[in-house]
Amino acid sequence: MAEWTDAEKSTISAVWGKVDINEVGPLALARVLIVYPWTQRYFGSFGDVSTPAAIMGNPKVAAHGKVVCGALDKAVKNMGNILATYKSLSETHANKLFVDPENFRVLADVLTIVIAAKFGASFTPEIQATWQKFMKVVVAAMGSRYF
């Protein structure tokens, strides 16, 4: 799906190694739900997501943000075969949850923004380019089982 140089693998692992998934996951998912309110329709079982404050304080949103980061952790650990790593997850999102695959790109973009905000100047343009290449591969893998 993608060829990775040793430098790219090292960069992605280094970035991910500094990410606090207990903080970044909930922040990223909450931001998606606030900025892109149509995504809330996929989270009807999460209770109150009616306002930004409700979303930010919702424990189910926070928990699912951590789940999302857990899935991303699998991609980091399986960079040589992200497509196979996400096959089942893609099938579930396509055939059971009926998630619009465009939302994977939205989440990837927001996750990148949250990470960049946390890292500040250390998230250089070169690091960002490598990270975004990785996220593009993840998004493609998540959309791979849509027909």
N, C-alpha and C. Protein backbone atom coordinates (compact mmCIF):
# COMPACT_ATOMS: atom_id res chain seq x y z
N MET A 1 0.82 -1.19 0.00
CA MET A 1 0.00 0.00 0.00
C MET A 1 0.87 1.25 0.00
N ALA A 2 1.94 1.22 0.79
CA ALA A 2 2.88 2.35 0.81
C ALA A 2 4.27 1.81 1.11
N GLU A 3 5.23 2.47 0.55
CA GLU A 3 6.62 2.15 0.85
C GLU A 3 7.09 3.13 1.91
N TRP A 4 7.77 2.62 2.91
CA TRP A 4 8.26 3.45 4.01
C TRP A 4 9.78 3.40 4.05
N THR A 5 10.39 4.56 4.12
CA THR A 5 11.83 4.60 4.35
C THR A 5 12.07 4.36 5.83
N ASP A 6 13.30 4.03 6.17
CA ASP A 6 13.64 3.86 7.58
C ASP A 6 13.41 5.16 8.35
N ALA A 7 13.72 6.28 7.70
CA ALA A 7 13.52 7.58 8.35
C ALA A 7 12.04 7.84 8.61
N GLU A 8 11.18 7.50 7.65
CA GLU A 8 9.74 7.68 7.85
C GLU A 8 9.21 6.80 8.97
N LYS A 9 9.63 5.55 8.99
CA LYS A 9 9.21 4.64 10.07
C LYS A 9 9.64 5.19 11.42
N SER A 10 10.86 5.66 11.47
CA SER A 10 11.39 6.21 12.72
C SER A 10 10.61 7.45 13.15
N THR A 11 10.31 8.31 12.20
CA THR A 11 9.56 9.54 12.50
C THR A 11 8.17 9.21 13.01
N ILE A 12 7.48 8.32 12.34
CA ILE A 12 6.11 7.96 12.74
C ILE A 12 6.12 7.33 14.13
N SER A 13 7.05 6.43 14.36
CA SER A 13 7.16 5.79 15.68
C SER A 13 7.50 6.81 16.76
N ALA A 14 8.37 7.75 16.43
CA ALA A 14 8.76 8.78 17.41
C ALA A 14 7.58 9.69 17.74
N VAL A 15 6.85 10.11 16.73
CA VAL A 15 5.67 10.95 16.97
C VAL A 15 4.68 10.19 17.84
N TRP A 16 4.35 8.98 17.43
CA TRP A 16 3.35 8.21 18.14
C TRP A 16 3.80 7.89 19.57
N GLY A 17 5.08 7.69 19.75
CA GLY A 17 5.60 7.40 21.08
C GLY A 17 5.43 8.55 22.06
N LYS A 18 5.28 9.75 21.54
CA LYS A 18 5.10 10.94 22.39
C LYS A 18 3.63 11.30 22.60
N VAL A 19 2.74 10.62 21.90
CA VAL A 19 1.31 10.93 21.98
C VAL A 19 0.72 10.27 23.22
N ASP A 20 0.03 11.05 24.01
CA ASP A 20 -0.73 10.53 25.15
C ASP A 20 -2.12 10.19 24.63
N ILE A 21 -2.36 8.91 24.35
CA ILE A 21 -3.63 8.52 23.73
C ILE A 21 -4.82 8.79 24.65
N ASN A 22 -4.58 8.84 25.94
CA ASN A 22 -5.66 9.14 26.88
C ASN A 22 -6.09 10.61 26.82
N GLU A 23 -5.24 11.44 26.25
CA GLU A 23 -5.56 12.86 26.09
C GLU A 23 -5.93 13.18 24.64
N VAL A 24 -5.09 12.74 23.72
CA VAL A 24 -5.26 13.10 22.31
C VAL A 24 -6.49 12.44 21.69
N GLY A 25 -6.73 11.18 21.99
CA GLY A 25 -7.89 10.49 21.42
C GLY A 25 -9.21 11.17 21.77
N PRO A 26 -9.47 11.39 23.07
CA PRO A 26 -10.71 12.08 23.43
C PRO A 26 -10.81 13.50 22.85
N LEU A 27 -9.70 14.24 22.84
CA LEU A 27 -9.73 15.59 22.28
C LEU A 27 -10.05 15.57 20.79
N ALA A 28 -9.43 14.65 20.06
CA ALA A 28 -9.64 14.59 18.61
C ALA A 28 -11.07 14.20 18.28
N LEU A 29 -11.59 13.17 18.93
CA LEU A 29 -12.96 12.76 18.63
C LEU A 29 -13.96 13.85 19.03
N ALA A 30 -13.74 14.47 20.17
CA ALA A 30 -14.63 15.56 20.59
C ALA A 30 -14.61 16.69 19.57
N ARG A 31 -13.43 17.03 19.08
CA ARG A 31 -13.32 18.11 18.10
C ARG A 31 -14.06 17.74 16.81
N VAL A 32 -13.95 16.49 16.38
CA VAL A 32 -14.69 16.05 15.19
C VAL A 32 -16.19 16.25 15.40
N LEU A 33 -16.69 15.81 16.54
CA LEU A 33 -18.12 15.90 16.81
C LEU A 33 -18.61 17.34 16.92
N ILE A 34 -17.74 18.23 17.38
CA ILE A 34 -18.12 19.65 17.52
C ILE A 34 -18.01 20.38 16.18
N VAL A 35 -16.91 20.21 15.49
CA VAL A 35 -16.66 20.96 14.25
C VAL A 35 -17.45 20.39 13.07
N TYR A 36 -17.68 19.09 13.08
CA TYR A 36 -18.41 18.41 12.01
C TYR A 36 -19.63 17.74 12.62
N PRO A 37 -20.65 18.52 12.97
CA PRO A 37 -21.77 17.99 13.76
C PRO A 37 -22.53 16.84 13.10
N TRP A 38 -22.47 16.71 11.77
CA TRP A 38 -23.17 15.60 11.13
C TRP A 38 -22.58 14.25 11.55
N THR A 39 -21.35 14.25 12.07
CA THR A 39 -20.75 12.99 12.52
C THR A 39 -21.41 12.47 13.80
N GLN A 40 -22.15 13.32 14.47
CA GLN A 40 -22.82 12.91 15.71
C GLN A 40 -23.84 11.80 15.47
N ARG A 41 -24.35 11.69 14.25
CA ARG A 41 -25.37 10.68 13.96
C ARG A 41 -24.87 9.26 14.17
N TYR A 42 -23.56 9.06 14.12
CA TYR A 42 -22.99 7.73 14.32
C TYR A 42 -22.85 7.38 15.80
N PHE A 43 -23.14 8.32 16.67
CA PHE A 43 -22.89 8.13 18.10
C PHE A 43 -24.16 8.34 18.93
N GLY A 44 -25.28 7.88 18.40
CA GLY A 44 -26.56 8.04 19.09
C GLY A 44 -26.61 7.37 20.45
N SER A 45 -25.83 6.33 20.63
CA SER A 45 -25.83 5.61 21.91
C SER A 45 -24.93 6.27 22.96
N PHE A 46 -24.30 7.37 22.59
CA PHE A 46 -23.35 8.02 23.50
C PHE A 46 -24.02 9.00 24.45
N GLY A 47 -25.32 9.18 24.34
CA GLY A 47 -26.01 10.12 25.23
C GLY A 47 -25.92 11.53 24.69
N ASP A 48 -25.76 12.48 25.59
CA ASP A 48 -25.82 13.90 25.24
C ASP A 48 -24.58 14.35 24.47
N VAL A 49 -24.79 14.68 23.21
CA VAL A 49 -23.74 15.30 22.38
C VAL A 49 -24.32 16.56 21.74
N SER A 50 -25.18 17.24 22.49
CA SER A 50 -25.93 18.37 21.94
C SER A 50 -25.18 19.69 21.95
N THR A 51 -24.16 19.80 22.79
CA THR A 51 -23.40 21.05 22.87
C THR A 51 -21.92 20.72 22.98
N PRO A 52 -21.06 21.67 22.66
CA PRO A 52 -19.62 21.42 22.85
C PRO A 52 -19.27 21.00 24.28
N ALA A 53 -19.88 21.64 25.26
CA ALA A 53 -19.60 21.28 26.66
C ALA A 53 -20.03 19.85 26.96
N ALA A 54 -21.19 19.46 26.44
CA ALA A 54 -21.67 18.09 26.66
C ALA A 54 -20.74 17.08 26.00
N ILE A 55 -20.28 17.39 24.81
CA ILE A 55 -19.36 16.49 24.10
C ILE A 55 -18.04 16.37 24.85
N MET A 56 -17.49 17.50 25.26
CA MET A 56 -16.20 17.48 25.96
C MET A 56 -16.28 16.74 27.29
N GLY A 57 -17.44 16.74 27.92
CA GLY A 57 -17.60 16.08 29.20
C GLY A 57 -18.19 14.69 29.12
N ASN A 58 -18.42 14.20 27.91
CA ASN A 58 -19.07 12.91 27.73
C ASN A 58 -18.06 11.77 27.87
N PRO A 59 -18.21 10.90 28.87
CA PRO A 59 -17.24 9.82 29.06
C PRO A 59 -17.23 8.80 27.92
N LYS A 60 -18.35 8.63 27.22
CA LYS A 60 -18.38 7.69 26.10
C LYS A 60 -17.59 8.23 24.91
N VAL A 61 -17.63 9.54 24.71
CA VAL A 61 -16.81 10.16 23.66
C VAL A 61 -15.34 9.97 24.00
N ALA A 62 -14.98 10.24 25.24
CA ALA A 62 -13.59 10.08 25.66
C ALA A 62 -13.13 8.63 25.50
N ALA A 63 -13.96 7.70 25.92
CA ALA A 63 -13.59 6.28 25.82
C ALA A 63 -13.41 5.86 24.37
N HIS A 64 -14.30 6.32 23.49
CA HIS A 64 -14.16 5.93 22.08
C HIS A 64 -12.95 6.61 21.43
N GLY A 65 -12.63 7.81 21.86
CA GLY A 65 -11.41 8.45 21.37
C GLY A 65 -10.18 7.62 21.69
N LYS A 66 -10.17 7.00 22.87
CA LYS A 66 -9.07 6.12 23.25
C LYS A 66 -9.07 4.86 22.39
N VAL A 67 -10.25 4.34 22.07
CA VAL A 67 -10.36 3.17 21.19
C VAL A 67 -9.79 3.49 19.81
N VAL A 68 -10.13 4.67 19.30
CA VAL A 68 -9.61 5.10 18.00
C VAL A 68 -8.08 5.12 18.03
N CYS A 69 -7.52 5.68 19.08
CA CYS A 69 -6.06 5.73 19.19
C CYS A 69 -5.47 4.34 19.36
N GLY A 70 -6.19 3.45 20.02
CA GLY A 70 -5.73 2.06 20.12
C GLY A 70 -5.63 1.40 18.76
N ALA A 71 -6.60 1.69 17.90
CA ALA A 71 -6.56 1.16 16.54
C ALA A 71 -5.41 1.78 15.75
N LEU A 72 -5.15 3.05 15.98
CA LEU A 72 -4.04 3.71 15.30
C LEU A 72 -2.71 3.13 15.77
N ASP A 73 -2.64 2.76 17.03
CA ASP A 73 -1.44 2.12 17.57
C ASP A 73 -1.13 0.83 16.80
N LYS A 74 -2.16 0.09 16.44
CA LYS A 74 -1.96 -1.14 15.65
C LYS A 74 -1.36 -0.83 14.29
N ALA A 75 -1.78 0.28 13.69
CA ALA A 75 -1.21 0.67 12.40
C ALA A 75 0.26 1.03 12.54
N VAL A 76 0.60 1.75 13.61
CA VAL A 76 2.00 2.11 13.84
C VAL A 76 2.85 0.85 14.00
N LYS A 77 2.31 -0.14 14.68
CA LYS A 77 3.06 -1.37 14.95
C LYS A 77 3.07 -2.32 13.75
N ASN A 78 2.22 -2.06 12.76
CA ASN A 78 2.12 -2.92 11.58
C ASN A 78 2.22 -2.11 10.30
N MET A 79 3.19 -1.21 10.26
CA MET A 79 3.29 -0.30 9.11
C MET A 79 3.52 -1.02 7.79
N GLY A 80 4.05 -2.21 7.85
CA GLY A 80 4.28 -2.97 6.63
C GLY A 80 3.02 -3.56 6.03
N ASN A 81 1.94 -3.61 6.81
CA ASN A 81 0.71 -4.21 6.31
C ASN A 81 -0.52 -3.59 6.98
N ILE A 82 -0.66 -2.31 6.82
CA ILE A 82 -1.79 -1.60 7.42
C ILE A 82 -3.11 -2.06 6.81
N LEU A 83 -3.10 -2.37 5.54
CA LEU A 83 -4.32 -2.81 4.86
C LEU A 83 -4.89 -4.06 5.53
N ALA A 84 -4.07 -5.06 5.76
CA ALA A 84 -4.55 -6.29 6.42
C ALA A 84 -4.91 -6.02 7.87
N THR A 85 -4.16 -5.16 8.52
CA THR A 85 -4.42 -4.82 9.92
C THR A 85 -5.81 -4.23 10.09
N TYR A 86 -6.26 -3.47 9.11
CA TYR A 86 -7.55 -2.78 9.21
C TYR A 86 -8.68 -3.45 8.44
N LYS A 87 -8.44 -4.61 7.87
CA LYS A 87 -9.46 -5.27 7.05
C LYS A 87 -10.78 -5.44 7.81
N SER A 88 -10.73 -6.05 8.97
CA SER A 88 -11.94 -6.31 9.75
C SER A 88 -12.59 -5.01 10.22
N LEU A 89 -11.78 -4.07 10.66
CA LEU A 89 -12.31 -2.79 11.13
C LEU A 89 -13.00 -2.04 9.99
N SER A 90 -12.41 -2.09 8.81
CA SER A 90 -13.02 -1.45 7.64
C SER A 90 -14.35 -2.12 7.29
N GLU A 91 -14.36 -3.46 7.33
CA GLU A 91 -15.61 -4.18 7.04
C GLU A 91 -16.71 -3.81 8.02
N THR A 92 -16.38 -3.71 9.29
CA THR A 92 -17.36 -3.34 10.31
C THR A 92 -17.91 -1.94 10.05
N HIS A 93 -17.03 -0.99 9.77
CA HIS A 93 -17.48 0.38 9.53
C HIS A 93 -18.29 0.50 8.24
N ALA A 94 -17.96 -0.32 7.24
CA ALA A 94 -18.67 -0.26 5.96
C ALA A 94 -20.01 -0.98 6.02
N ASN A 95 -20.03 -2.18 6.57
CA ASN A 95 -21.19 -3.06 6.43
C ASN A 95 -22.10 -3.15 7.64
N LYS A 96 -21.62 -2.72 8.80
CA LYS A 96 -22.46 -2.78 10.00
C LYS A 96 -22.79 -1.39 10.54
N LEU A 97 -21.80 -0.52 10.54
CA LEU A 97 -22.00 0.82 11.10
C LEU A 97 -22.39 1.84 10.04
N PHE A 98 -22.11 1.53 8.77
CA PHE A 98 -22.46 2.38 7.64
C PHE A 98 -21.89 3.80 7.78
N VAL A 99 -20.65 3.86 8.18
CA VAL A 99 -19.96 5.14 8.35
C VAL A 99 -19.50 5.64 6.98
N ASP A 100 -19.80 6.88 6.67
CA ASP A 100 -19.30 7.50 5.45
C ASP A 100 -17.78 7.53 5.52
N PRO A 101 -17.08 6.93 4.56
CA PRO A 101 -15.62 6.86 4.65
C PRO A 101 -14.92 8.22 4.62
N GLU A 102 -15.61 9.26 4.19
CA GLU A 102 -15.03 10.60 4.23
C GLU A 102 -14.73 11.01 5.67
N ASN A 103 -15.46 10.45 6.61
CA ASN A 103 -15.23 10.77 8.01
C ASN A 103 -13.87 10.29 8.52
N PHE A 104 -13.30 9.29 7.88
CA PHE A 104 -11.96 8.84 8.28
C PHE A 104 -10.93 9.91 7.96
N ARG A 105 -11.10 10.57 6.80
CA ARG A 105 -10.20 11.67 6.45
C ARG A 105 -10.37 12.83 7.42
N VAL A 106 -11.62 13.13 7.75
CA VAL A 106 -11.90 14.22 8.70
C VAL A 106 -11.21 13.92 10.04
N LEU A 107 -11.38 12.71 10.54
CA LEU A 107 -10.76 12.34 11.81
C LEU A 107 -9.24 12.39 11.72
N ALA A 108 -8.68 11.94 10.61
CA ALA A 108 -7.22 11.99 10.44
C ALA A 108 -6.72 13.43 10.45
N ASP A 109 -7.43 14.31 9.77
CA ASP A 109 -7.04 15.73 9.76
C ASP A 109 -7.11 16.34 11.15
N VAL A 110 -8.19 16.05 11.86
CA VAL A 110 -8.35 16.61 13.20
C VAL A 110 -7.32 16.03 14.16
N LEU A 111 -7.05 14.75 14.05
CA LEU A 111 -6.02 14.14 14.89
C LEU A 111 -4.67 14.79 14.64
N THR A 112 -4.37 15.08 13.39
CA THR A 112 -3.12 15.77 13.06
C THR A 112 -3.08 17.17 13.68
N ILE A 113 -4.19 17.87 13.64
CA ILE A 113 -4.26 19.21 14.24
C ILE A 113 -4.04 19.13 15.75
N VAL A 114 -4.67 18.18 16.40
CA VAL A 114 -4.52 18.04 17.85
C VAL A 114 -3.07 17.70 18.21
N ILE A 115 -2.47 16.80 17.46
CA ILE A 115 -1.06 16.45 17.71
C ILE A 115 -0.16 17.65 17.47
N ALA A 116 -0.39 18.36 16.38
CA ALA A 116 0.42 19.55 16.08
C ALA A 116 0.30 20.59 17.19
N ALA A 117 -0.90 20.78 17.70
CA ALA A 117 -1.10 21.75 18.79
C ALA A 117 -0.37 21.32 20.05
N LYS A 118 -0.35 20.03 20.32
CA LYS A 118 0.34 19.52 21.51
C LYS A 118 1.86 19.63 21.36
N PHE A 119 2.37 19.35 20.17
CA PHE A 119 3.82 19.31 19.96
C PHE A 119 4.42 20.68 19.69
N GLY A 120 3.61 21.60 19.19
CA GLY A 120 4.12 22.94 18.90
C GLY A 120 5.17 22.93 17.80
N ALA A 121 6.21 23.73 17.99
CA ALA A 121 7.25 23.90 16.97
C ALA A 121 8.02 22.62 16.66
N SER A 122 7.98 21.65 17.57
CA SER A 122 8.70 20.40 17.30
C SER A 122 8.00 19.55 16.23
N PHE A 123 6.75 19.89 15.90
CA PHE A 123 6.03 19.21 14.83
C PHE A 123 6.34 19.97 13.54
N THR A 124 7.55 19.76 13.05
CA THR A 124 8.07 20.51 11.91
C THR A 124 7.32 20.15 10.63
N PRO A 125 7.47 20.96 9.58
CA PRO A 125 6.83 20.62 8.31
C PRO A 125 7.26 19.24 7.79
N GLU A 126 8.51 18.87 8.01
CA GLU A 126 8.98 17.56 7.55
C GLU A 126 8.31 16.43 8.33
N ILE A 127 8.20 16.61 9.62
CA ILE A 127 7.52 15.61 10.45
C ILE A 127 6.05 15.54 10.08
N GLN A 128 5.44 16.69 9.89
CA GLN A 128 4.04 16.72 9.50
C GLN A 128 3.82 16.00 8.17
N ALA A 129 4.69 16.21 7.20
CA ALA A 129 4.54 15.57 5.90
C ALA A 129 4.58 14.04 6.04
N THR A 130 5.51 13.55 6.85
CA THR A 130 5.60 12.11 7.07
C THR A 130 4.37 11.60 7.80
N TRP A 131 3.94 12.32 8.83
CA TRP A 131 2.76 11.92 9.59
C TRP A 131 1.52 11.90 8.69
N GLN A 132 1.38 12.90 7.83
CA GLN A 132 0.22 12.94 6.96
C GLN A 132 0.25 11.84 5.91
N LYS A 133 1.42 11.44 5.47
CA LYS A 133 1.53 10.29 4.57
C LYS A 133 1.00 9.06 5.29
N PHE A 134 1.41 8.88 6.53
CA PHE A 134 0.95 7.75 7.33
C PHE A 134 -0.57 7.79 7.50
N MET A 135 -1.10 8.94 7.83
CA MET A 135 -2.54 9.05 8.03
C MET A 135 -3.31 8.79 6.73
N LYS A 136 -2.74 9.19 5.61
CA LYS A 136 -3.38 8.92 4.31
C LYS A 136 -3.49 7.42 4.07
N VAL A 137 -2.45 6.68 4.43
CA VAL A 137 -2.46 5.23 4.28
C VAL A 137 -3.50 4.61 5.22
N VAL A 138 -3.57 5.11 6.44
CA VAL A 138 -4.57 4.62 7.40
C VAL A 138 -5.99 4.87 6.87
N VAL A 139 -6.23 6.07 6.38
CA VAL A 139 -7.55 6.41 5.83
C VAL A 139 -7.89 5.50 4.66
N ALA A 140 -6.94 5.25 3.78
CA ALA A 140 -7.18 4.36 2.64
C ALA A 140 -7.50 2.94 3.11
N ALA A 141 -6.79 2.48 4.12
CA ALA A 141 -7.05 1.14 4.66
C ALA A 141 -8.43 1.06 5.30
N MET A 142 -8.81 2.11 6.01
CA MET A 142 -10.14 2.13 6.63
C MET A 142 -11.25 2.15 5.58
N GLY A 143 -10.98 2.69 4.43
CA GLY A 143 -11.97 2.74 3.36
C GLY A 143 -11.89 1.57 2.39
N SER A 144 -10.99 0.65 2.64
CA SER A 144 -10.70 -0.40 1.66
C SER A 144 -11.83 -1.41 1.47
N ARG A 145 -12.71 -1.59 2.41
CA ARG A 145 -13.76 -2.60 2.30
C ARG A 145 -15.10 -2.01 1.85
N TYR A 146 -15.07 -0.77 1.43
CA TYR A 146 -16.28 -0.14 0.89
C TYR A 146 -16.35 -0.47 -0.60
N PHE A 147 -17.53 -0.87 -1.05
CA PHE A 147 -17.67 -1.25 -2.46
C PHE A 147 -18.60 -0.33 -3.18
